[in-house]
Amino acid sequence: MSNNDNDNSPYGLTFIEIEASLGQKVIVHLKNGEIIDDGFLYNVDPVTFTVLLLKILAIMQSIVESLEVKTGGTRDSISKEKLDSLITTRVRDFANTSEKMKARKRDVISFLKSNRIQVIHTPEDPIIHIMDRAHISPPYVPDSIRCNNEIMLKRVKDLILKVPFVYDSIDVDQETQRRQ
């Protein structure tokens, strides 16, 4: 490992070493003593040092004690190309016209209606409108809500947080075998 201070992350790896480790299985030691040892390194944000594992798991630098790259056989790594193709496949699931987004929209609408919230929607419009004051865009999460009324915005966000976001986890081994 290099000790060039200008090129080191807080994890004792240079950015060049991080780049070379992409696709490798890693062990992440959290500051609370927990260990995450079942993900492939997708990236480390060069500004915030957030660790992104293909599993997908973003781990903020503030809770990471150390990052250790596993080395060994071919089962301990996947190529950067395969990493990118796995991510690209999952990104398509978040398109407005994807079945997963349509299902998410239905779940949100159903949940809001079950809470007696007046909802306006059409199949052609991806945006869910609430009393013509709040508007929820895909992927229908709290950050995708637009509303000028702060009190209403908070209430809608609180409701959206209660809607489960059911999404299949990525089985890296299965996806890798399927693509080969």
N, C-alpha and C. Protein backbone atom coordinates (compact mmCIF):
# COMPACT_ATOMS: atom_id res chain seq x y z
N MET A 1 0.83 -1.18 0.00
CA MET A 1 0.00 0.00 0.00
C MET A 1 0.88 1.24 0.00
N SER A 2 0.47 2.24 -0.75
CA SER A 2 1.24 3.47 -0.87
C SER A 2 0.97 4.39 0.32
N ASN A 3 1.94 5.19 0.68
CA ASN A 3 1.76 6.14 1.77
C ASN A 3 1.83 7.58 1.28
N ASN A 4 1.58 7.83 0.01
CA ASN A 4 1.56 9.18 -0.52
C ASN A 4 0.35 9.91 0.06
N ASP A 5 0.58 10.86 0.99
CA ASP A 5 -0.51 11.51 1.71
C ASP A 5 -1.48 12.23 0.79
N ASN A 6 -1.03 12.72 -0.35
CA ASN A 6 -1.91 13.44 -1.25
C ASN A 6 -2.86 12.52 -1.98
N ASP A 7 -2.59 11.23 -1.95
CA ASP A 7 -3.37 10.29 -2.74
C ASP A 7 -4.07 9.25 -1.87
N ASN A 8 -4.09 9.42 -0.55
CA ASN A 8 -4.66 8.42 0.34
C ASN A 8 -6.10 8.74 0.72
N SER A 9 -6.90 7.70 0.79
CA SER A 9 -8.23 7.82 1.36
C SER A 9 -8.09 7.53 2.85
N PRO A 10 -9.14 7.73 3.63
CA PRO A 10 -9.03 7.42 5.05
C PRO A 10 -8.86 5.92 5.32
N TYR A 11 -8.93 5.10 4.30
CA TYR A 11 -8.87 3.65 4.46
C TYR A 11 -7.49 3.09 4.21
N GLY A 12 -6.48 3.94 4.04
CA GLY A 12 -5.12 3.46 3.83
C GLY A 12 -4.87 2.95 2.42
N LEU A 13 -5.76 3.24 1.51
CA LEU A 13 -5.61 2.86 0.10
C LEU A 13 -5.50 4.12 -0.73
N THR A 14 -4.61 4.13 -1.71
CA THR A 14 -4.55 5.26 -2.63
C THR A 14 -5.72 5.13 -3.60
N PHE A 15 -6.01 6.20 -4.30
CA PHE A 15 -7.08 6.15 -5.29
C PHE A 15 -6.73 5.16 -6.39
N ILE A 16 -5.46 5.02 -6.71
CA ILE A 16 -5.04 4.05 -7.72
C ILE A 16 -5.30 2.63 -7.21
N GLU A 17 -5.03 2.39 -5.94
CA GLU A 17 -5.28 1.07 -5.35
C GLU A 17 -6.78 0.79 -5.26
N ILE A 18 -7.56 1.81 -4.95
CA ILE A 18 -9.02 1.64 -4.93
C ILE A 18 -9.49 1.27 -6.33
N GLU A 19 -9.02 2.00 -7.35
CA GLU A 19 -9.40 1.71 -8.73
C GLU A 19 -9.05 0.27 -9.10
N ALA A 20 -7.88 -0.17 -8.70
CA ALA A 20 -7.45 -1.54 -9.00
C ALA A 20 -8.26 -2.58 -8.24
N SER A 21 -8.89 -2.18 -7.14
CA SER A 21 -9.65 -3.11 -6.30
C SER A 21 -11.13 -3.19 -6.68
N LEU A 22 -11.59 -2.36 -7.61
CA LEU A 22 -12.99 -2.40 -8.00
C LEU A 22 -13.33 -3.79 -8.50
N GLY A 23 -14.46 -4.32 -8.04
CA GLY A 23 -14.88 -5.66 -8.42
C GLY A 23 -14.40 -6.73 -7.46
N GLN A 24 -13.52 -6.37 -6.52
CA GLN A 24 -13.01 -7.34 -5.55
C GLN A 24 -13.99 -7.46 -4.38
N LYS A 25 -14.05 -8.64 -3.79
CA LYS A 25 -14.79 -8.77 -2.54
C LYS A 25 -14.03 -7.99 -1.48
N VAL A 26 -14.76 -7.31 -0.62
CA VAL A 26 -14.12 -6.52 0.42
C VAL A 26 -14.74 -6.83 1.78
N ILE A 27 -14.01 -6.49 2.79
CA ILE A 27 -14.50 -6.56 4.17
C ILE A 27 -14.51 -5.12 4.68
N VAL A 28 -15.65 -4.67 5.15
CA VAL A 28 -15.78 -3.32 5.69
C VAL A 28 -15.99 -3.44 7.19
N HIS A 29 -15.08 -2.86 7.93
CA HIS A 29 -15.18 -2.83 9.39
C HIS A 29 -15.83 -1.52 9.78
N LEU A 30 -16.98 -1.58 10.41
CA LEU A 30 -17.67 -0.37 10.85
C LEU A 30 -17.16 0.06 12.22
N LYS A 31 -17.30 1.33 12.50
CA LYS A 31 -16.80 1.88 13.76
C LYS A 31 -17.53 1.31 14.97
N ASN A 32 -18.75 0.80 14.77
CA ASN A 32 -19.50 0.22 15.89
C ASN A 32 -19.14 -1.24 16.12
N GLY A 33 -18.13 -1.75 15.37
CA GLY A 33 -17.67 -3.11 15.56
C GLY A 33 -18.25 -4.12 14.59
N GLU A 34 -19.30 -3.73 13.87
CA GLU A 34 -19.90 -4.64 12.89
C GLU A 34 -18.97 -4.82 11.71
N ILE A 35 -19.13 -5.95 11.02
CA ILE A 35 -18.33 -6.25 9.84
C ILE A 35 -19.27 -6.60 8.70
N ILE A 36 -19.03 -5.99 7.55
CA ILE A 36 -19.77 -6.32 6.32
C ILE A 36 -18.77 -7.00 5.41
N ASP A 37 -19.03 -8.28 5.13
CA ASP A 37 -18.04 -9.03 4.36
C ASP A 37 -18.64 -9.77 3.17
N ASP A 38 -19.77 -9.28 2.67
CA ASP A 38 -20.40 -10.01 1.57
C ASP A 38 -20.73 -9.12 0.38
N GLY A 39 -19.84 -8.18 0.07
CA GLY A 39 -20.09 -7.32 -1.07
C GLY A 39 -18.86 -7.15 -1.94
N PHE A 40 -19.10 -6.76 -3.19
CA PHE A 40 -18.03 -6.46 -4.13
C PHE A 40 -17.86 -4.95 -4.17
N LEU A 41 -16.63 -4.47 -4.15
CA LEU A 41 -16.37 -3.03 -4.17
C LEU A 41 -16.77 -2.47 -5.53
N TYR A 42 -17.75 -1.57 -5.52
CA TYR A 42 -18.18 -0.91 -6.76
C TYR A 42 -17.46 0.41 -6.93
N ASN A 43 -17.29 1.16 -5.82
CA ASN A 43 -16.60 2.44 -5.90
C ASN A 43 -16.40 2.99 -4.49
N VAL A 44 -15.52 3.96 -4.38
CA VAL A 44 -15.38 4.78 -3.18
C VAL A 44 -15.44 6.21 -3.67
N ASP A 45 -16.43 6.96 -3.18
CA ASP A 45 -16.59 8.34 -3.61
C ASP A 45 -15.35 9.12 -3.22
N PRO A 46 -14.69 9.79 -4.17
CA PRO A 46 -13.44 10.48 -3.87
C PRO A 46 -13.61 11.74 -3.02
N VAL A 47 -14.82 12.23 -2.86
CA VAL A 47 -15.05 13.43 -2.06
C VAL A 47 -15.52 13.06 -0.65
N THR A 48 -16.56 12.22 -0.56
CA THR A 48 -17.13 11.87 0.74
C THR A 48 -16.55 10.58 1.31
N PHE A 49 -15.85 9.82 0.48
CA PHE A 49 -15.28 8.52 0.86
C PHE A 49 -16.35 7.51 1.25
N THR A 50 -17.56 7.70 0.74
CA THR A 50 -18.62 6.71 0.93
C THR A 50 -18.25 5.47 0.13
N VAL A 51 -18.36 4.32 0.77
CA VAL A 51 -18.03 3.05 0.14
C VAL A 51 -19.29 2.49 -0.50
N LEU A 52 -19.21 2.16 -1.79
CA LEU A 52 -20.33 1.56 -2.51
C LEU A 52 -20.00 0.11 -2.82
N LEU A 53 -20.82 -0.78 -2.27
CA LEU A 53 -20.63 -2.19 -2.51
C LEU A 53 -21.71 -2.67 -3.46
N LEU A 54 -21.36 -3.63 -4.32
CA LEU A 54 -22.38 -4.25 -5.14
C LEU A 54 -23.05 -5.27 -4.27
N LYS A 55 -24.19 -4.89 -3.95
CA LYS A 55 -25.10 -5.60 -3.09
C LYS A 55 -26.35 -4.73 -3.12
N ILE A 56 -26.51 -3.63 -3.44
CA ILE A 56 -25.88 -2.32 -3.42
C ILE A 56 -26.03 -1.78 -2.02
N LEU A 57 -24.92 -1.30 -1.53
CA LEU A 57 -24.89 -0.80 -0.17
C LEU A 57 -23.95 0.39 -0.15
N ALA A 58 -24.46 1.53 0.26
CA ALA A 58 -23.62 2.72 0.40
C ALA A 58 -23.33 2.88 1.89
N ILE A 59 -22.07 2.95 2.23
CA ILE A 59 -21.66 3.04 3.62
C ILE A 59 -20.92 4.36 3.81
N MET A 60 -21.51 5.24 4.58
CA MET A 60 -20.94 6.55 4.79
C MET A 60 -19.61 6.45 5.51
N GLN A 61 -18.66 7.28 5.11
CA GLN A 61 -17.31 7.28 5.67
C GLN A 61 -17.33 7.48 7.18
N SER A 62 -18.31 8.20 7.68
CA SER A 62 -18.35 8.51 9.11
C SER A 62 -18.54 7.28 9.99
N ILE A 63 -19.00 6.16 9.43
CA ILE A 63 -19.19 4.96 10.25
C ILE A 63 -18.21 3.84 9.89
N VAL A 64 -17.34 4.09 8.91
CA VAL A 64 -16.40 3.05 8.48
C VAL A 64 -15.09 3.18 9.25
N GLU A 65 -14.69 2.10 9.88
CA GLU A 65 -13.41 2.06 10.58
C GLU A 65 -12.29 1.74 9.59
N SER A 66 -12.49 0.69 8.77
CA SER A 66 -11.47 0.31 7.79
C SER A 66 -12.12 -0.44 6.64
N LEU A 67 -11.40 -0.52 5.54
CA LEU A 67 -11.84 -1.22 4.34
C LEU A 67 -10.70 -2.15 3.95
N GLU A 68 -11.01 -3.43 3.84
CA GLU A 68 -9.99 -4.43 3.55
C GLU A 68 -10.40 -5.17 2.28
N VAL A 69 -9.50 -5.24 1.30
CA VAL A 69 -9.79 -5.93 0.05
C VAL A 69 -9.41 -7.39 0.20
N LYS A 70 -10.38 -8.28 -0.10
CA LYS A 70 -10.11 -9.72 -0.06
C LYS A 70 -9.36 -10.09 -1.32
N THR A 71 -8.40 -10.95 -1.19
CA THR A 71 -7.69 -11.45 -2.36
C THR A 71 -7.75 -12.96 -2.33
N GLY A 72 -7.80 -13.54 -3.49
CA GLY A 72 -7.89 -15.00 -3.54
C GLY A 72 -8.30 -15.43 -4.93
N GLY A 73 -9.17 -16.41 -4.99
CA GLY A 73 -9.59 -16.99 -6.25
C GLY A 73 -10.55 -16.11 -7.03
N THR A 74 -11.00 -16.64 -8.15
CA THR A 74 -11.89 -15.88 -9.03
C THR A 74 -13.25 -15.64 -8.40
N ARG A 75 -13.64 -16.42 -7.38
CA ARG A 75 -14.92 -16.20 -6.71
C ARG A 75 -14.87 -14.94 -5.85
N ASP A 76 -13.65 -14.39 -5.65
CA ASP A 76 -13.51 -13.20 -4.83
C ASP A 76 -13.53 -11.91 -5.63
N SER A 77 -13.79 -12.00 -6.92
CA SER A 77 -13.85 -10.77 -7.72
C SER A 77 -14.70 -10.98 -8.96
N ILE A 78 -15.19 -9.85 -9.49
CA ILE A 78 -15.85 -9.82 -10.79
C ILE A 78 -15.29 -8.63 -11.54
N SER A 79 -15.34 -8.68 -12.85
CA SER A 79 -14.73 -7.61 -13.65
C SER A 79 -15.52 -6.31 -13.53
N LYS A 80 -14.84 -5.20 -13.80
CA LYS A 80 -15.51 -3.89 -13.77
C LYS A 80 -16.63 -3.84 -14.79
N GLU A 81 -16.44 -4.51 -15.93
CA GLU A 81 -17.47 -4.54 -16.97
C GLU A 81 -18.73 -5.24 -16.45
N LYS A 82 -18.55 -6.35 -15.73
CA LYS A 82 -19.71 -7.05 -15.18
C LYS A 82 -20.37 -6.22 -14.09
N LEU A 83 -19.57 -5.53 -13.28
CA LEU A 83 -20.14 -4.63 -12.27
C LEU A 83 -21.04 -3.60 -12.94
N ASP A 84 -20.51 -2.96 -13.98
CA ASP A 84 -21.28 -1.92 -14.67
C ASP A 84 -22.53 -2.49 -15.33
N SER A 85 -22.43 -3.69 -15.91
CA SER A 85 -23.60 -4.27 -16.57
C SER A 85 -24.67 -4.63 -15.55
N LEU A 86 -24.27 -5.09 -14.36
CA LEU A 86 -25.25 -5.38 -13.31
C LEU A 86 -25.97 -4.12 -12.87
N ILE A 87 -25.21 -3.04 -12.72
CA ILE A 87 -25.81 -1.77 -12.31
C ILE A 87 -26.73 -1.25 -13.41
N THR A 88 -26.29 -1.30 -14.65
CA THR A 88 -27.10 -0.81 -15.77
C THR A 88 -28.42 -1.56 -15.85
N THR A 89 -28.38 -2.87 -15.64
CA THR A 89 -29.61 -3.66 -15.66
C THR A 89 -30.56 -3.17 -14.59
N ARG A 90 -30.05 -2.91 -13.39
CA ARG A 90 -30.90 -2.45 -12.30
C ARG A 90 -31.39 -1.02 -12.52
N VAL A 91 -30.59 -0.19 -13.15
CA VAL A 91 -31.01 1.19 -13.42
C VAL A 91 -32.24 1.21 -14.32
N ARG A 92 -32.31 0.29 -15.28
CA ARG A 92 -33.48 0.22 -16.16
C ARG A 92 -34.76 -0.03 -15.38
N ASP A 93 -34.65 -0.70 -14.24
CA ASP A 93 -35.83 -0.96 -13.42
C ASP A 93 -36.43 0.32 -12.86
N PHE A 94 -35.66 1.40 -12.85
CA PHE A 94 -36.15 2.66 -12.31
C PHE A 94 -36.67 3.61 -13.39
N ALA A 95 -36.76 3.15 -14.63
CA ALA A 95 -37.36 3.95 -15.69
C ALA A 95 -38.85 4.10 -15.39
N ASN A 96 -39.42 5.25 -15.76
CA ASN A 96 -40.84 5.51 -15.47
C ASN A 96 -41.76 4.44 -16.02
N THR A 97 -41.38 3.82 -17.14
CA THR A 97 -42.25 2.84 -17.80
C THR A 97 -41.96 1.40 -17.37
N SER A 98 -40.98 1.20 -16.48
CA SER A 98 -40.66 -0.16 -16.07
C SER A 98 -41.77 -0.73 -15.20
N GLU A 99 -41.86 -2.04 -15.17
CA GLU A 99 -42.87 -2.71 -14.35
C GLU A 99 -42.65 -2.43 -12.86
N LYS A 100 -41.39 -2.33 -12.46
CA LYS A 100 -41.11 -2.06 -11.04
C LYS A 100 -41.59 -0.67 -10.63
N MET A 101 -41.43 0.32 -11.51
CA MET A 101 -41.91 1.67 -11.18
C MET A 101 -43.43 1.73 -11.23
N LYS A 102 -44.03 1.02 -12.16
CA LYS A 102 -45.50 0.98 -12.20
C LYS A 102 -46.05 0.33 -10.93
N ALA A 103 -45.38 -0.74 -10.48
CA ALA A 103 -45.81 -1.40 -9.25
C ALA A 103 -45.61 -0.47 -8.05
N ARG A 104 -44.50 0.24 -8.02
CA ARG A 104 -44.23 1.18 -6.92
C ARG A 104 -45.30 2.27 -6.90
N LYS A 105 -45.65 2.78 -8.08
CA LYS A 105 -46.67 3.82 -8.18
C LYS A 105 -48.00 3.29 -7.63
N ARG A 106 -48.37 2.06 -8.04
CA ARG A 106 -49.62 1.46 -7.55
C ARG A 106 -49.58 1.31 -6.02
N ASP A 107 -48.44 0.86 -5.48
CA ASP A 107 -48.32 0.68 -4.04
C ASP A 107 -48.49 2.00 -3.29
N VAL A 108 -47.86 3.06 -3.81
CA VAL A 108 -47.95 4.37 -3.16
C VAL A 108 -49.38 4.89 -3.22
N ILE A 109 -50.00 4.78 -4.39
CA ILE A 109 -51.39 5.25 -4.54
C ILE A 109 -52.31 4.48 -3.59
N SER A 110 -52.16 3.18 -3.55
CA SER A 110 -52.98 2.34 -2.69
C SER A 110 -52.79 2.72 -1.22
N PHE A 111 -51.54 2.93 -0.83
CA PHE A 111 -51.25 3.29 0.56
C PHE A 111 -51.85 4.65 0.90
N LEU A 112 -51.69 5.62 0.01
CA LEU A 112 -52.23 6.96 0.27
C LEU A 112 -53.75 6.92 0.38
N LYS A 113 -54.39 6.18 -0.54
CA LYS A 113 -55.85 6.07 -0.50
C LYS A 113 -56.32 5.36 0.77
N SER A 114 -55.57 4.35 1.22
CA SER A 114 -55.95 3.64 2.45
C SER A 114 -55.85 4.56 3.67
N ASN A 115 -55.07 5.64 3.53
CA ASN A 115 -54.95 6.64 4.59
C ASN A 115 -55.85 7.84 4.32
N ARG A 116 -56.81 7.65 3.42
CA ARG A 116 -57.82 8.66 3.08
C ARG A 116 -57.22 9.95 2.54
N ILE A 117 -56.16 9.79 1.74
CA ILE A 117 -55.53 10.94 1.09
C ILE A 117 -56.09 11.04 -0.33
N GLN A 118 -56.52 12.25 -0.70
CA GLN A 118 -57.07 12.47 -2.03
C GLN A 118 -55.94 12.46 -3.06
N VAL A 119 -55.99 11.48 -3.96
CA VAL A 119 -54.93 11.28 -4.94
C VAL A 119 -55.49 11.42 -6.35
N ILE A 120 -54.74 12.13 -7.20
CA ILE A 120 -55.10 12.25 -8.61
C ILE A 120 -53.96 11.65 -9.42
N HIS A 121 -54.31 10.71 -10.31
CA HIS A 121 -53.28 10.06 -11.12
C HIS A 121 -53.90 9.53 -12.41
N THR A 122 -53.05 9.38 -13.40
CA THR A 122 -53.46 8.74 -14.65
C THR A 122 -52.35 7.78 -15.07
N PRO A 123 -52.68 6.77 -15.86
CA PRO A 123 -51.65 5.83 -16.30
C PRO A 123 -50.57 6.51 -17.15
N GLU A 124 -50.92 7.56 -17.87
CA GLU A 124 -49.97 8.24 -18.75
C GLU A 124 -49.03 9.17 -18.00
N ASP A 125 -49.48 9.69 -16.87
CA ASP A 125 -48.69 10.66 -16.10
C ASP A 125 -47.96 9.92 -14.98
N PRO A 126 -46.63 9.95 -14.98
CA PRO A 126 -45.91 9.23 -13.93
C PRO A 126 -46.01 9.91 -12.56
N ILE A 127 -46.48 11.15 -12.52
CA ILE A 127 -46.53 11.91 -11.26
C ILE A 127 -47.85 11.67 -10.54
N ILE A 128 -47.75 11.45 -9.23
CA ILE A 128 -48.93 11.32 -8.38
C ILE A 128 -49.19 12.68 -7.76
N HIS A 129 -50.42 13.17 -7.89
CA HIS A 129 -50.78 14.49 -7.37
C HIS A 129 -51.66 14.31 -6.14
N ILE A 130 -51.34 15.04 -5.08
CA ILE A 130 -52.12 14.98 -3.85
C ILE A 130 -52.77 16.34 -3.65
N MET A 131 -54.10 16.35 -3.73
CA MET A 131 -54.89 17.56 -3.55
C MET A 131 -54.33 18.74 -4.36
N ASP A 132 -53.72 18.45 -5.47
CA ASP A 132 -53.14 19.45 -6.35
C ASP A 132 -52.15 20.37 -5.63
N ARG A 133 -51.59 19.90 -4.52
CA ARG A 133 -50.64 20.69 -3.74
C ARG A 133 -49.27 20.00 -3.65
N ALA A 134 -49.28 18.68 -3.53
CA ALA A 134 -48.03 17.92 -3.46
C ALA A 134 -47.96 17.00 -4.68
N HIS A 135 -46.76 16.79 -5.16
CA HIS A 135 -46.56 16.00 -6.38
C HIS A 135 -45.40 15.03 -6.13
N ILE A 136 -45.67 13.75 -6.38
CA ILE A 136 -44.66 12.72 -6.14
C ILE A 136 -44.25 12.13 -7.49
N SER A 137 -42.97 12.26 -7.80
CA SER A 137 -42.41 11.75 -9.05
C SER A 137 -41.69 10.43 -8.80
N PRO A 138 -41.48 9.65 -9.87
CA PRO A 138 -40.68 8.42 -9.70
C PRO A 138 -39.30 8.78 -9.17
N PRO A 139 -38.75 7.98 -8.32
CA PRO A 139 -39.13 6.62 -7.90
C PRO A 139 -40.07 6.57 -6.69
N TYR A 140 -40.81 7.64 -6.44
CA TYR A 140 -41.83 7.67 -5.39
C TYR A 140 -41.24 7.45 -4.00
N VAL A 141 -40.22 8.24 -3.72
CA VAL A 141 -39.55 8.24 -2.41
C VAL A 141 -39.65 9.65 -1.84
N PRO A 142 -39.34 9.84 -0.55
CA PRO A 142 -39.49 11.17 0.05
C PRO A 142 -38.76 12.29 -0.70
N ASP A 143 -37.60 12.01 -1.25
CA ASP A 143 -36.87 13.06 -1.98
C ASP A 143 -37.50 13.43 -3.31
N SER A 144 -38.46 12.64 -3.78
CA SER A 144 -39.08 12.95 -5.07
C SER A 144 -40.43 13.65 -4.90
N ILE A 145 -40.68 14.18 -3.72
CA ILE A 145 -41.92 14.91 -3.44
C ILE A 145 -41.67 16.41 -3.60
N ARG A 146 -42.55 17.08 -4.31
CA ARG A 146 -42.47 18.53 -4.47
C ARG A 146 -43.74 19.14 -3.88
N CYS A 147 -43.55 20.09 -2.97
CA CYS A 147 -44.68 20.74 -2.33
C CYS A 147 -44.20 22.06 -1.74
N ASN A 148 -44.97 23.12 -1.92
CA ASN A 148 -44.60 24.44 -1.39
C ASN A 148 -44.97 24.62 0.08
N ASN A 149 -45.87 23.79 0.57
CA ASN A 149 -46.32 23.88 1.96
C ASN A 149 -45.47 22.94 2.80
N GLU A 150 -44.66 23.50 3.69
CA GLU A 150 -43.72 22.71 4.49
C GLU A 150 -44.42 21.70 5.39
N ILE A 151 -45.55 22.06 5.96
CA ILE A 151 -46.27 21.15 6.85
C ILE A 151 -46.81 19.96 6.06
N MET A 152 -47.42 20.25 4.92
CA MET A 152 -47.93 19.17 4.07
C MET A 152 -46.79 18.30 3.54
N LEU A 153 -45.69 18.93 3.15
CA LEU A 153 -44.52 18.20 2.65
C LEU A 153 -44.03 17.20 3.70
N LYS A 154 -43.91 17.64 4.93
CA LYS A 154 -43.46 16.75 6.00
C LYS A 154 -44.42 15.59 6.19
N ARG A 155 -45.70 15.85 6.17
CA ARG A 155 -46.69 14.79 6.38
C ARG A 155 -46.67 13.78 5.24
N VAL A 156 -46.55 14.26 4.01
CA VAL A 156 -46.50 13.35 2.87
C VAL A 156 -45.22 12.52 2.91
N LYS A 157 -44.10 13.15 3.25
CA LYS A 157 -42.84 12.41 3.37
C LYS A 157 -42.95 11.32 4.43
N ASP A 158 -43.55 11.66 5.56
CA ASP A 158 -43.72 10.67 6.63
C ASP A 158 -44.57 9.49 6.14
N LEU A 159 -45.59 9.76 5.37
CA LEU A 159 -46.42 8.68 4.83
C LEU A 159 -45.64 7.82 3.83
N ILE A 160 -44.91 8.47 2.93
CA ILE A 160 -44.16 7.74 1.90
C ILE A 160 -43.10 6.84 2.55
N LEU A 161 -42.53 7.28 3.66
CA LEU A 161 -41.55 6.45 4.37
C LEU A 161 -42.16 5.15 4.87
N LYS A 162 -43.46 5.13 5.04
CA LYS A 162 -44.14 3.93 5.55
C LYS A 162 -44.48 2.93 4.43
N VAL A 163 -44.35 3.36 3.18
CA VAL A 163 -44.64 2.45 2.06
C VAL A 163 -43.39 1.62 1.80
N PRO A 164 -43.49 0.30 1.96
CA PRO A 164 -42.30 -0.53 1.74
C PRO A 164 -41.83 -0.44 0.29
N PHE A 165 -40.53 -0.34 0.13
CA PHE A 165 -39.94 -0.32 -1.21
C PHE A 165 -39.43 -1.72 -1.47
N VAL A 166 -40.28 -2.54 -2.06
CA VAL A 166 -39.93 -3.93 -2.32
C VAL A 166 -39.10 -3.98 -3.59
N TYR A 167 -37.87 -4.45 -3.42
CA TYR A 167 -36.97 -4.52 -4.57
C TYR A 167 -36.08 -5.73 -4.38
N ASP A 168 -36.01 -6.53 -5.41
CA ASP A 168 -35.20 -7.74 -5.34
C ASP A 168 -33.75 -7.38 -5.07
N SER A 169 -33.11 -8.13 -4.18
CA SER A 169 -31.68 -7.92 -3.98
C SER A 169 -30.94 -8.54 -5.15
N ILE A 170 -29.76 -8.04 -5.40
CA ILE A 170 -28.96 -8.54 -6.51
C ILE A 170 -28.18 -9.75 -6.04
N ASP A 171 -28.40 -10.87 -6.68
CA ASP A 171 -27.60 -12.05 -6.42
C ASP A 171 -26.46 -12.01 -7.43
N VAL A 172 -25.31 -11.53 -6.99
CA VAL A 172 -24.19 -11.30 -7.90
C VAL A 172 -23.76 -12.58 -8.59
N ASP A 173 -23.66 -13.68 -7.83
CA ASP A 173 -23.23 -14.94 -8.44
C ASP A 173 -24.20 -15.39 -9.53
N GLN A 174 -25.50 -15.30 -9.25
CA GLN A 174 -26.50 -15.71 -10.23
C GLN A 174 -26.47 -14.80 -11.45
N GLU A 175 -26.38 -13.49 -11.24
CA GLU A 175 -26.34 -12.54 -12.36
C GLU A 175 -25.07 -12.77 -13.20
N THR A 176 -23.95 -13.00 -12.53
CA THR A 176 -22.68 -13.21 -13.25
C THR A 176 -22.75 -14.47 -14.09
N GLN A 177 -23.27 -15.56 -13.52
CA GLN A 177 -23.38 -16.81 -14.28
C GLN A 177 -24.33 -16.64 -15.45
N ARG A 178 -25.43 -15.93 -15.25
CA ARG A 178 -26.42 -15.75 -16.30
C ARG A 178 -25.85 -14.97 -17.48
N ARG A 179 -24.94 -14.01 -17.21
CA ARG A 179 -24.40 -13.15 -18.25
C ARG A 179 -23.22 -13.79 -18.99
N GLN A 180 -22.66 -14.87 -18.44
CA GLN A 180 -21.48 -15.47 -19.08
C GLN A 180 -21.87 -16.34 -20.24
